[in-house]
PDB file of all heavy atoms in Angstrom:
ATOM      1  N   ASP A   1       0.874  -1.191  -0.016  1.00  0.00           N
ATOM      2  CA  ASP A   1       0.029   0.006   0.032  1.00  0.00           C
ATOM      3  C   ASP A   1       0.852   1.241   0.013  1.00  0.00           C
ATOM      4  O   ASP A   1       1.900   1.308   0.665  1.00  0.00           O
ATOM      5  CB  ASP A   1      -0.907   0.016   1.234  1.00  0.00           C
ATOM      6  CG  ASP A   1      -1.935  -1.115   1.162  1.00  0.00           C
ATOM      7  OD1 ASP A   1      -2.350  -1.466   0.073  1.00  0.00           O
ATOM      8  OD2 ASP A   1      -2.258  -1.661   2.248  1.00  0.00           O
ATOM      9  N   ILE A   2       0.371   2.272  -0.745  1.00  0.00           N
ATOM     10  CA  ILE A   2       1.085   3.577  -0.873  1.00  0.00           C
ATOM     11  C   ILE A   2       0.112   4.670  -0.447  1.00  0.00           C
ATOM     12  O   ILE A   2      -0.978   4.792  -1.014  1.00  0.00           O
ATOM     13  CB  ILE A   2       1.589   3.837  -2.310  1.00  0.00           C
ATOM     14  CG1 ILE A   2       2.505   2.655  -2.769  1.00  0.00           C
ATOM     15  CG2 ILE A   2       2.288   5.156  -2.404  1.00  0.00           C
ATOM     16  CD1 ILE A   2       2.892   2.746  -4.226  1.00  0.00           C
ATOM     17  N   HIS A   3       0.519   5.397   0.592  1.00  0.00           N
ATOM     18  CA  HIS A   3      -0.297   6.558   1.068  1.00  0.00           C
ATOM     19  C   HIS A   3      -1.678   6.147   1.466  1.00  0.00           C
ATOM     20  O   HIS A   3      -2.616   6.946   1.363  1.00  0.00           O
ATOM     21  CB  HIS A   3      -0.366   7.658  -0.010  1.00  0.00           C
ATOM     22  CG  HIS A   3       0.980   8.230  -0.402  1.00  0.00           C
ATOM     23  ND1 HIS A   3       2.003   8.521   0.494  1.00  0.00           N
ATOM     24  CD2 HIS A   3       1.496   8.479  -1.623  1.00  0.00           C
ATOM     25  CE1 HIS A   3       3.046   8.959  -0.141  1.00  0.00           C
ATOM     26  NE2 HIS A   3       2.797   8.948  -1.464  1.00  0.00           N
ATOM     27  N   ALA A   4      -1.889   4.895   1.805  1.00  0.00           N
ATOM     28  CA  ALA A   4      -3.186   4.408   2.322  1.00  0.00           C
ATOM     29  C   ALA A   4      -4.274   4.429   1.344  1.00  0.00           C
ATOM     30  O   ALA A   4      -5.349   3.898   1.593  1.00  0.00           O
ATOM     31  CB  ALA A   4      -3.581   5.179   3.583  1.00  0.00           C
ATOM     32  N   LYS A   5      -4.056   4.988   0.124  1.00  0.00           N
ATOM     33  CA  LYS A   5      -5.105   5.028  -0.900  1.00  0.00           C
ATOM     34  C   LYS A   5      -4.738   4.216  -2.118  1.00  0.00           C
ATOM     35  O   LYS A   5      -5.611   3.690  -2.841  1.00  0.00           O
ATOM     36  CB  LYS A   5      -5.423   6.447  -1.318  1.00  0.00           C
ATOM     37  CG  LYS A   5      -6.261   7.198  -0.281  1.00  0.00           C
ATOM     38  CD  LYS A   5      -6.769   8.526  -0.882  1.00  0.00           C
ATOM     39  CE  LYS A   5      -7.716   9.222   0.097  1.00  0.00           C
ATOM     40  NZ  LYS A   5      -8.257  10.424  -0.484  1.00  0.00           N
ATOM     41  N   LEU A   6      -3.474   4.153  -2.378  1.00  0.00           N
ATOM     42  CA  LEU A   6      -3.003   3.442  -3.578  1.00  0.00           C
ATOM     43  C   LEU A   6      -2.421   2.060  -3.203  1.00  0.00           C
ATOM     44  O   LEU A   6      -1.837   1.918  -2.148  1.00  0.00           O
ATOM     45  CB  LEU A   6      -1.941   4.241  -4.312  1.00  0.00           C
ATOM     46  CG  LEU A   6      -2.418   5.557  -4.919  1.00  0.00           C
ATOM     47  CD1 LEU A   6      -1.235   6.295  -5.580  1.00  0.00           C
ATOM     48  CD2 LEU A   6      -3.492   5.319  -5.991  1.00  0.00           C
ATOM     49  N   ARG A   7      -2.633   1.095  -4.059  1.00  0.00           N
ATOM     50  CA  ARG A   7      -2.080  -0.240  -3.831  1.00  0.00           C
ATOM     51  C   ARG A   7      -1.412  -0.674  -5.103  1.00  0.00           C
ATOM     52  O   ARG A   7      -2.004  -0.693  -6.180  1.00  0.00           O
ATOM     53  CB  ARG A   7      -3.185  -1.210  -3.443  1.00  0.00           C
ATOM     54  CG  ARG A   7      -2.682  -2.632  -3.340  1.00  0.00           C
ATOM     55  CD  ARG A   7      -3.751  -3.557  -2.744  1.00  0.00           C
ATOM     56  NE  ARG A   7      -3.952  -3.255  -1.326  1.00  0.00           N
ATOM     57  CZ  ARG A   7      -4.840  -3.863  -0.542  1.00  0.00           C
ATOM     58  NH1 ARG A   7      -5.581  -4.786  -1.061  1.00  0.00           N
ATOM     59  NH2 ARG A   7      -4.973  -3.510   0.718  1.00  0.00           N
ATOM     60  N   LEU A   8      -0.127  -1.049  -4.954  1.00  0.00           N
ATOM     61  CA  LEU A   8       0.684  -1.523  -6.094  1.00  0.00           C
ATOM     62  C   LEU A   8       0.804  -3.015  -5.983  1.00  0.00           C
ATOM     63  O   LEU A   8       1.209  -3.585  -4.957  1.00  0.00           O
ATOM     64  CB  LEU A   8       2.061  -0.869  -6.059  1.00  0.00           C
ATOM     65  CG  LEU A   8       2.972  -1.144  -7.255  1.00  0.00           C
ATOM     66  CD1 LEU A   8       2.351  -0.646  -8.532  1.00  0.00           C
ATOM     67  CD2 LEU A   8       4.360  -0.441  -7.030  1.00  0.00           C
ATOM     68  N   LEU A   9       0.488  -3.703  -7.071  1.00  0.00           N
ATOM     69  CA  LEU A   9       0.496  -5.176  -7.132  1.00  0.00           C
ATOM     70  C   LEU A   9       1.439  -5.664  -8.209  1.00  0.00           C
ATOM     71  O   LEU A   9       1.419  -5.159  -9.329  1.00  0.00           O
ATOM     72  CB  LEU A   9      -0.910  -5.703  -7.365  1.00  0.00           C
ATOM     73  CG  LEU A   9      -1.160  -7.180  -7.403  1.00  0.00           C
ATOM     74  CD1 LEU A   9      -2.515  -7.532  -6.814  1.00  0.00           C
ATOM     75  CD2 LEU A   9      -1.079  -7.713  -8.875  1.00  0.00           C
ATOM     76  N   HIS A  10       2.204  -6.707  -7.880  1.00  0.00           N
ATOM     77  CA  HIS A  10       3.064  -7.400  -8.822  1.00  0.00           C
ATOM     78  C   HIS A  10       2.619  -8.847  -8.908  1.00  0.00           C
ATOM     79  O   HIS A  10       2.227  -9.463  -7.896  1.00  0.00           O
ATOM     80  CB  HIS A  10       4.545  -7.366  -8.374  1.00  0.00           C
ATOM     81  CG  HIS A  10       5.317  -6.218  -8.899  1.00  0.00           C
ATOM     82  ND1 HIS A  10       6.661  -6.219  -9.089  1.00  0.00           N
ATOM     83  CD2 HIS A  10       4.888  -4.998  -9.314  1.00  0.00           C
ATOM     84  CE1 HIS A  10       7.070  -5.078  -9.576  1.00  0.00           C
ATOM     85  NE2 HIS A  10       5.980  -4.303  -9.692  1.00  0.00           N
ATOM     86  N   TYR A  11       2.669  -9.449 -10.082  1.00  0.00           N
ATOM     87  CA  TYR A  11       2.329 -10.831 -10.221  1.00  0.00           C
ATOM     88  C   TYR A  11       3.347 -11.482 -11.143  1.00  0.00           C
ATOM     89  O   TYR A  11       3.986 -10.811 -11.949  1.00  0.00           O
ATOM     90  CB  TYR A  11       0.906 -11.021 -10.750  1.00  0.00           C
ATOM     91  CG  TYR A  11       0.734 -10.608 -12.209  1.00  0.00           C
ATOM     92  CD1 TYR A  11       0.920 -11.510 -13.232  1.00  0.00           C
ATOM     93  CD2 TYR A  11       0.361  -9.317 -12.540  1.00  0.00           C
ATOM     94  CE1 TYR A  11       0.761 -11.138 -14.559  1.00  0.00           C
ATOM     95  CE2 TYR A  11       0.202  -8.916 -13.851  1.00  0.00           C
ATOM     96  CZ  TYR A  11       0.402  -9.845 -14.834  1.00  0.00           C
ATOM     97  OH  TYR A  11       0.235  -9.467 -16.131  1.00  0.00           O
ATOM     98  N   ARG A  12       3.480 -12.816 -10.938  1.00  0.00           N
ATOM     99  CA  ARG A  12       4.376 -13.558 -11.830  1.00  0.00           C
ATOM    100  C   ARG A  12       3.718 -14.931 -12.122  1.00  0.00           C
ATOM    101  O   ARG A  12       3.230 -15.593 -11.197  1.00  0.00           O
ATOM    102  CB  ARG A  12       5.745 -13.831 -11.154  1.00  0.00           C
ATOM    103  CG  ARG A  12       6.649 -14.736 -12.010  1.00  0.00           C
ATOM    104  CD  ARG A  12       8.015 -14.937 -11.389  1.00  0.00           C
ATOM    105  NE  ARG A  12       8.810 -13.752 -11.565  1.00  0.00           N
ATOM    106  CZ  ARG A  12      10.120 -13.677 -11.275  1.00  0.00           C
ATOM    107  NH1 ARG A  12      10.751 -14.750 -10.823  1.00  0.00           N
ATOM    108  NH2 ARG A  12      10.787 -12.530 -11.450  1.00  0.00           N
ATOM    109  N   ASP A  13       3.756 -15.266 -13.346  1.00  0.00           N
ATOM    110  CA  ASP A  13       3.211 -16.580 -13.774  1.00  0.00           C
ATOM    111  C   ASP A  13       4.245 -17.671 -13.415  1.00  0.00           C
ATOM    112  O   ASP A  13       5.350 -17.703 -13.995  1.00  0.00           O
ATOM    113  CB  ASP A  13       2.961 -16.542 -15.277  1.00  0.00           C
ATOM    114  CG  ASP A  13       2.223 -17.793 -15.727  1.00  0.00           C
ATOM    115  OD1 ASP A  13       2.148 -18.782 -14.993  1.00  0.00           O
ATOM    116  OD2 ASP A  13       1.726 -17.792 -16.880  1.00  0.00           O
ATOM    117  N   ILE A  14       3.879 -18.547 -12.488  1.00  0.00           N
ATOM    118  CA  ILE A  14       4.788 -19.611 -12.060  1.00  0.00           C
ATOM    119  C   ILE A  14       4.194 -20.985 -12.452  1.00  0.00           C
ATOM    120  O   ILE A  14       4.520 -22.023 -11.831  1.00  0.00           O
ATOM    121  CB  ILE A  14       5.018 -19.571 -10.530  1.00  0.00           C
ATOM    122  CG1 ILE A  14       3.682 -19.719  -9.759  1.00  0.00           C
ATOM    123  CG2 ILE A  14       5.732 -18.317 -10.117  1.00  0.00           C
ATOM    124  CD1 ILE A  14       3.838 -19.872  -8.285  1.00  0.00           C
ATOM    125  N   THR A  15       3.386 -20.964 -13.505  1.00  0.00           N
ATOM    126  CA  THR A  15       2.816 -22.275 -13.942  1.00  0.00           C
ATOM    127  C   THR A  15       3.898 -23.240 -14.348  1.00  0.00           C
ATOM    128  O   THR A  15       3.824 -24.452 -14.066  1.00  0.00           O
ATOM    129  CB  THR A  15       1.833 -21.981 -15.109  1.00  0.00           C
ATOM    130  OG1 THR A  15       0.854 -21.088 -14.679  1.00  0.00           O
ATOM    131  CG2 THR A  15       1.169 -23.284 -15.543  1.00  0.00           C
ATOM    132  N   ASP A  16       4.900 -22.716 -15.062  1.00  0.00           N
ATOM    133  CA  ASP A  16       6.004 -23.579 -15.505  1.00  0.00           C
ATOM    134  C   ASP A  16       6.691 -24.248 -14.314  1.00  0.00           C
ATOM    135  O   ASP A  16       7.116 -25.436 -14.389  1.00  0.00           O
ATOM    136  CB  ASP A  16       6.992 -22.805 -16.325  1.00  0.00           C
ATOM    137  CG  ASP A  16       6.412 -22.372 -17.677  1.00  0.00           C
ATOM    138  OD1 ASP A  16       5.379 -22.966 -18.068  1.00  0.00           O
ATOM    139  OD2 ASP A  16       6.967 -21.446 -18.298  1.00  0.00           O
ATOM    140  N   THR A  17       6.817 -23.473 -13.244  1.00  0.00           N
ATOM    141  CA  THR A  17       7.474 -24.047 -12.066  1.00  0.00           C
ATOM    142  C   THR A  17       6.670 -25.230 -11.507  1.00  0.00           C
ATOM    143  O   THR A  17       7.212 -26.281 -11.206  1.00  0.00           O
ATOM    144  CB  THR A  17       7.626 -22.956 -10.965  1.00  0.00           C
ATOM    145  OG1 THR A  17       8.411 -21.894 -11.465  1.00  0.00           O
ATOM    146  CG2 THR A  17       8.303 -23.524  -9.707  1.00  0.00           C
ATOM    147  N   TYR A  18       5.310 -25.037 -11.386  1.00  0.00           N
ATOM    148  CA  TYR A  18       4.469 -26.093 -10.835  1.00  0.00           C
ATOM    149  C   TYR A  18       4.444 -27.299 -11.795  1.00  0.00           C
ATOM    150  O   TYR A  18       4.553 -28.437 -11.382  1.00  0.00           O
ATOM    151  CB  TYR A  18       3.072 -25.575 -10.654  1.00  0.00           C
ATOM    152  CG  TYR A  18       2.842 -25.012  -9.241  1.00  0.00           C
ATOM    153  CD1 TYR A  18       3.300 -23.772  -8.884  1.00  0.00           C
ATOM    154  CD2 TYR A  18       2.194 -25.806  -8.288  1.00  0.00           C
ATOM    155  CE1 TYR A  18       3.130 -23.294  -7.605  1.00  0.00           C
ATOM    156  CE2 TYR A  18       1.995 -25.314  -7.015  1.00  0.00           C
ATOM    157  CZ  TYR A  18       2.480 -24.066  -6.663  1.00  0.00           C
ATOM    158  OH  TYR A  18       2.298 -23.607  -5.421  1.00  0.00           O
ATOM    159  N   THR A  19       4.265 -26.983 -13.102  1.00  0.00           N
ATOM    160  CA  THR A  19       4.161 -28.134 -14.032  1.00  0.00           C
ATOM    161  C   THR A  19       5.523 -28.830 -14.166  1.00  0.00           C
ATOM    162  O   THR A  19       5.597 -30.045 -14.330  1.00  0.00           O
ATOM    163  CB  THR A  19       3.763 -27.625 -15.431  1.00  0.00           C
ATOM    164  OG1 THR A  19       4.624 -26.559 -15.860  1.00  0.00           O
ATOM    165  CG2 THR A  19       2.315 -27.075 -15.364  1.00  0.00           C
ATOM    166  N   GLY A  20       6.601 -28.037 -14.017  1.00  0.00           N
ATOM    167  CA  GLY A  20       7.932 -28.686 -14.094  1.00  0.00           C
ATOM    168  C   GLY A  20       8.162 -29.617 -12.923  1.00  0.00           C
ATOM    169  O   GLY A  20       8.688 -30.700 -13.060  1.00  0.00           O
ATOM    170  N   LEU A  21       7.723 -29.140 -11.715  1.00  0.00           N
ATOM    171  CA  LEU A  21       7.859 -30.044 -10.534  1.00  0.00           C
ATOM    172  C   LEU A  21       6.993 -31.246 -10.680  1.00  0.00           C
ATOM    173  O   LEU A  21       7.389 -32.356 -10.338  1.00  0.00           O
ATOM    174  CB  LEU A  21       7.514 -29.209  -9.291  1.00  0.00           C
ATOM    175  CG  LEU A  21       8.449 -28.104  -8.883  1.00  0.00           C
ATOM    176  CD1 LEU A  21       7.884 -27.343  -7.708  1.00  0.00           C
ATOM    177  CD2 LEU A  21       9.810 -28.656  -8.514  1.00  0.00           C
ATOM    178  N   ARG A  22       5.798 -31.082 -11.208  1.00  0.00           N
ATOM    179  CA  ARG A  22       4.905 -32.241 -11.375  1.00  0.00           C
ATOM    180  C   ARG A  22       5.475 -33.198 -12.410  1.00  0.00           C
ATOM    181  O   ARG A  22       5.452 -34.397 -12.224  1.00  0.00           O
ATOM    182  CB  ARG A  22       3.538 -31.758 -11.836  1.00  0.00           C
ATOM    183  CG  ARG A  22       2.492 -32.878 -11.902  1.00  0.00           C
ATOM    184  CD  ARG A  22       1.136 -32.280 -12.354  1.00  0.00           C
ATOM    185  NE  ARG A  22       0.718 -31.202 -11.508  1.00  0.00           N
ATOM    186  CZ  ARG A  22      -0.133 -30.261 -11.889  1.00  0.00           C
ATOM    187  NH1 ARG A  22      -0.592 -30.255 -13.127  1.00  0.00           N
ATOM    188  NH2 ARG A  22      -0.524 -29.323 -11.053  1.00  0.00           N
ATOM    189  N   THR A  23       6.038 -32.626 -13.482  1.00  0.00           N
ATOM    190  CA  THR A  23       6.673 -33.489 -14.474  1.00  0.00           C
ATOM    191  C   THR A  23       7.841 -34.281 -13.900  1.00  0.00           C
ATOM    192  O   THR A  23       8.019 -35.434 -14.139  1.00  0.00           O
ATOM    193  CB  THR A  23       7.106 -32.648 -15.695  1.00  0.00           C
ATOM    194  OG1 THR A  23       5.977 -31.956 -16.230  1.00  0.00           O
ATOM    195  CG2 THR A  23       7.750 -33.502 -16.736  1.00  0.00           C
ATOM    196  N   SER A  24       8.599 -33.529 -13.065  1.00  0.00           N
ATOM    197  CA  SER A  24       9.763 -34.202 -12.408  1.00  0.00           C
ATOM    198  C   SER A  24       9.312 -35.330 -11.495  1.00  0.00           C
ATOM    199  O   SER A  24       9.880 -36.402 -11.467  1.00  0.00           O
ATOM    200  CB  SER A  24      10.577 -33.188 -11.618  1.00  0.00           C
ATOM    201  OG  SER A  24      11.086 -32.170 -12.437  1.00  0.00           O
ATOM    202  N   PHE A  25       8.202 -35.068 -10.801  1.00  0.00           N
ATOM    203  CA  PHE A  25       7.637 -36.092  -9.890  1.00  0.00           C
ATOM    204  C   PHE A  25       7.197 -37.333 -10.704  1.00  0.00           C
ATOM    205  O   PHE A  25       7.490 -38.466 -10.316  1.00  0.00           O
ATOM    206  CB  PHE A  25       6.495 -35.527  -9.110  1.00  0.00           C
ATOM    207  CG  PHE A  25       5.779 -36.570  -8.294  1.00  0.00           C
ATOM    208  CD1 PHE A  25       6.319 -37.071  -7.111  1.00  0.00           C
ATOM    209  CD2 PHE A  25       4.530 -36.982  -8.694  1.00  0.00           C
ATOM    210  CE1 PHE A  25       5.610 -38.058  -6.399  1.00  0.00           C
ATOM    211  CE2 PHE A  25       3.821 -37.946  -7.987  1.00  0.00           C
ATOM    212  CZ  PHE A  25       4.402 -38.470  -6.786  1.00  0.00           C
ATOM    213  N   LEU A  26       6.458 -37.045 -11.809  1.00  0.00           N
ATOM    214  CA  LEU A  26       5.956 -38.161 -12.589  1.00  0.00           C
ATOM    215  C   LEU A  26       7.137 -38.945 -13.217  1.00  0.00           C
ATOM    216  O   LEU A  26       7.077 -40.168 -13.317  1.00  0.00           O
ATOM    217  CB  LEU A  26       5.000 -37.624 -13.676  1.00  0.00           C
ATOM    218  CG  LEU A  26       3.654 -37.072 -13.172  1.00  0.00           C
ATOM    219  CD1 LEU A  26       2.884 -36.494 -14.330  1.00  0.00           C
ATOM    220  CD2 LEU A  26       2.874 -38.149 -12.412  1.00  0.00           C
ATOM    221  N   GLN A  27       8.122 -38.205 -13.668  1.00  0.00           N
ATOM    222  CA  GLN A  27       9.297 -38.858 -14.238  1.00  0.00           C
ATOM    223  C   GLN A  27      10.022 -39.712 -13.193  1.00  0.00           C
ATOM    224  O   GLN A  27      10.403 -40.865 -13.453  1.00  0.00           O
ATOM    225  CB  GLN A  27      10.268 -37.875 -14.807  1.00  0.00           C
ATOM    226  CG  GLN A  27       9.767 -37.191 -16.100  1.00  0.00           C
ATOM    227  CD  GLN A  27      10.722 -36.098 -16.566  1.00  0.00           C
ATOM    228  OE1 GLN A  27      11.628 -35.671 -15.867  1.00  0.00           O
ATOM    229  NE2 GLN A  27      10.506 -35.626 -17.826  1.00  0.00           N
ATOM    230  N   GLY A  28      10.172 -39.162 -11.984  1.00  0.00           N
ATOM    231  CA  GLY A  28      10.746 -39.901 -10.897  1.00  0.00           C
ATOM    232  C   GLY A  28       9.960 -41.118 -10.515  1.00  0.00           C
ATOM    233  O   GLY A  28      10.522 -42.203 -10.267  1.00  0.00           O
ATOM    234  N   LEU A  29       8.618 -40.965 -10.509  1.00  0.00           N
ATOM    235  CA  LEU A  29       7.763 -42.087 -10.215  1.00  0.00           C
ATOM    236  C   LEU A  29       7.839 -43.160 -11.310  1.00  0.00           C
ATOM    237  O   LEU A  29       7.861 -44.392 -11.010  1.00  0.00           O
ATOM    238  CB  LEU A  29       6.324 -41.620 -10.086  1.00  0.00           C
ATOM    239  CG  LEU A  29       5.304 -42.569  -9.471  1.00  0.00           C
ATOM    240  CD1 LEU A  29       5.718 -42.960  -8.072  1.00  0.00           C
ATOM    241  CD2 LEU A  29       3.923 -42.010  -9.504  1.00  0.00           C
ATOM    242  N   PHE A  30       7.931 -42.731 -12.571  1.00  0.00           N
ATOM    243  CA  PHE A  30       8.101 -43.707 -13.665  1.00  0.00           C
ATOM    244  C   PHE A  30       9.439 -44.457 -13.528  1.00  0.00           C
ATOM    245  O   PHE A  30       9.436 -45.659 -13.695  1.00  0.00           O
ATOM    246  CB  PHE A  30       8.002 -42.973 -14.989  1.00  0.00           C
ATOM    247  CG  PHE A  30       8.333 -43.885 -16.171  1.00  0.00           C
ATOM    248  CD1 PHE A  30       7.383 -44.803 -16.612  1.00  0.00           C
ATOM    249  CD2 PHE A  30       9.536 -43.789 -16.812  1.00  0.00           C
ATOM    250  CE1 PHE A  30       7.669 -45.654 -17.676  1.00  0.00           C
ATOM    251  CE2 PHE A  30       9.824 -44.603 -17.879  1.00  0.00           C
ATOM    252  CZ  PHE A  30       8.888 -45.536 -18.305  1.00  0.00           C
ATOM    253  N   LEU A  31      10.481 -43.691 -13.238  1.00  0.00           N
ATOM    254  CA  LEU A  31      11.780 -44.353 -13.072  1.00  0.00           C
ATOM    255  C   LEU A  31      11.735 -45.285 -11.879  1.00  0.00           C
ATOM    256  O   LEU A  31      12.371 -46.396 -11.927  1.00  0.00           O
ATOM    257  CB  LEU A  31      12.880 -43.272 -12.892  1.00  0.00           C
ATOM    258  CG  LEU A  31      13.208 -42.459 -14.118  1.00  0.00           C
ATOM    259  CD1 LEU A  31      14.224 -41.369 -13.793  1.00  0.00           C
ATOM    260  CD2 LEU A  31      13.730 -43.321 -15.280  1.00  0.00           C
ATOM    261  N   SER A  32      11.084 -44.881 -10.787  1.00  0.00           N
ATOM    262  CA  SER A  32      10.951 -45.763  -9.608  1.00  0.00           C
ATOM    263  C   SER A  32      10.186 -47.034  -9.973  1.00  0.00           C
ATOM    264  O   SER A  32      10.568 -48.137  -9.579  1.00  0.00           O
ATOM    265  CB  SER A  32      10.273 -45.050  -8.481  1.00  0.00           C
ATOM    266  OG  SER A  32      10.985 -43.934  -8.063  1.00  0.00           O
ATOM    267  N   LEU A  33       9.117 -46.892 -10.767  1.00  0.00           N
ATOM    268  CA  LEU A  33       8.352 -48.039 -11.179  1.00  0.00           C
ATOM    269  C   LEU A  33       9.201 -48.994 -12.059  1.00  0.00           C
ATOM    270  O   LEU A  33       9.173 -50.196 -11.879  1.00  0.00           O
ATOM    271  CB  LEU A  33       7.126 -47.585 -11.958  1.00  0.00           C
ATOM    272  CG  LEU A  33       6.153 -48.706 -12.413  1.00  0.00           C
ATOM    273  CD1 LEU A  33       5.613 -49.452 -11.203  1.00  0.00           C
ATOM    274  CD2 LEU A  33       5.015 -48.107 -13.218  1.00  0.00           C
ATOM    275  N   LEU A  34       9.968 -48.347 -12.987  1.00  0.00           N
ATOM    276  CA  LEU A  34      10.803 -49.173 -13.848  1.00  0.00           C
ATOM    277  C   LEU A  34      11.887 -49.889 -13.032  1.00  0.00           C
ATOM    278  O   LEU A  34      12.136 -51.091 -13.201  1.00  0.00           O
ATOM    279  CB  LEU A  34      11.442 -48.276 -14.923  1.00  0.00           C
ATOM    280  CG  LEU A  34      12.398 -48.952 -15.879  1.00  0.00           C
ATOM    281  CD1 LEU A  34      11.681 -50.005 -16.692  1.00  0.00           C
ATOM    282  CD2 LEU A  34      13.065 -47.931 -16.820  1.00  0.00           C
ATOM    283  N   PHE A  35      12.464 -49.119 -12.118  1.00  0.00           N
ATOM    284  CA  PHE A  35      13.492 -49.742 -11.245  1.00  0.00           C
ATOM    285  C   PHE A  35      12.904 -50.836 -10.374  1.00  0.00           C
ATOM    286  O   PHE A  35      13.537 -51.858 -10.118  1.00  0.00           O
ATOM    287  CB  PHE A  35      14.098 -48.637 -10.380  1.00  0.00           C
ATOM    288  CG  PHE A  35      15.172 -49.136  -9.452  1.00  0.00           C
ATOM    289  CD1 PHE A  35      16.412 -49.547  -9.924  1.00  0.00           C
ATOM    290  CD2 PHE A  35      14.930 -49.262  -8.065  1.00  0.00           C
ATOM    291  CE1 PHE A  35      17.387 -50.039  -9.052  1.00  0.00           C
ATOM    292  CE2 PHE A  35      15.892 -49.702  -7.219  1.00  0.00           C
ATOM    293  CZ  PHE A  35      17.156 -50.121  -7.714  1.00  0.00           C
ATOM    294  N   SER A  36      11.633 -50.631  -9.942  1.00  0.00           N
ATOM    295  CA  SER A  36      10.967 -51.640  -9.092  1.00  0.00           C
ATOM    296  C   SER A  36      10.707 -52.928  -9.879  1.00  0.00           C
ATOM    297  O   SER A  36      10.860 -54.027  -9.345  1.00  0.00           O
ATOM    298  CB  SER A  36       9.643 -51.112  -8.584  1.00  0.00           C
ATOM    299  OG  SER A  36       9.838 -49.964  -7.763  1.00  0.00           O
ATOM    300  N   VAL A  37      10.342 -52.772 -11.159  1.00  0.00           N
ATOM    301  CA  VAL A  37      10.104 -53.968 -11.996  1.00  0.00           C
ATOM    302  C   VAL A  37      11.426 -54.728 -12.140  1.00  0.00           C
ATOM    303  O   VAL A  37      11.511 -55.963 -12.028  1.00  0.00           O
ATOM    304  CB  VAL A  37       9.580 -53.550 -13.364  1.00  0.00           C
ATOM    305  CG1 VAL A  37       9.526 -54.757 -14.301  1.00  0.00           C
ATOM    306  CG2 VAL A  37       8.183 -52.993 -13.218  1.00  0.00           C
ATOM    307  N   LEU A  38      12.521 -53.965 -12.462  1.00  0.00           N
ATOM    308  CA  LEU A  38      13.798 -54.628 -12.569  1.00  0.00           C
ATOM    309  C   LEU A  38      14.270 -55.282 -11.258  1.00  0.00           C
ATOM    310  O   LEU A  38      14.764 -56.392 -11.210  1.00  0.00           O
ATOM    311  CB  LEU A  38      14.855 -53.605 -13.024  1.00  0.00           C
ATOM    312  CG  LEU A  38      14.669 -53.004 -14.418  1.00  0.00           C
ATOM    313  CD1 LEU A  38      15.733 -51.939 -14.713  1.00  0.00           C
ATOM    314  CD2 LEU A  38      14.725 -54.091 -15.495  1.00  0.00           C
ATOM    315  N   LEU A  39      13.998 -54.520 -10.172  1.00  0.00           N
ATOM    316  CA  LEU A  39      14.343 -55.081  -8.877  1.00  0.00           C
ATOM    317  C   LEU A  39      13.530 -56.326  -8.521  1.00  0.00           C
ATOM    318  O   LEU A  39      14.044 -57.292  -7.967  1.00  0.00           O
ATOM    319  CB  LEU A  39      14.093 -53.993  -7.779  1.00  0.00           C
ATOM    320  CG  LEU A  39      14.433 -54.413  -6.318  1.00  0.00           C
ATOM    321  CD1 LEU A  39      15.923 -54.742  -6.192  1.00  0.00           C
ATOM    322  CD2 LEU A  39      14.015 -53.341  -5.365  1.00  0.00           C
ATOM    323  N   SER A  40      12.236 -56.295  -8.880  1.00  0.00           N
ATOM    324  CA  SER A  40      11.421 -57.481  -8.612  1.00  0.00           C
ATOM    325  C   SER A  40      11.937 -58.725  -9.359  1.00  0.00           C
ATOM    326  O   SER A  40      11.927 -59.823  -8.845  1.00  0.00           O
ATOM    327  CB  SER A  40       9.962 -57.181  -8.984  1.00  0.00           C
ATOM    328  OG  SER A  40       9.816 -56.962 -10.375  1.00  0.00           O
TER     329      SER A  40
END
């Protein structure tokens, strides 16, 4: 807030960060599954 009447807002699109983490998780899960099959 500026001078109690004005409000300045910043935003950033972090969709790539979330999707990247989700992709990394799915890749890790797939590798774990593959490794589990080999281990079995």
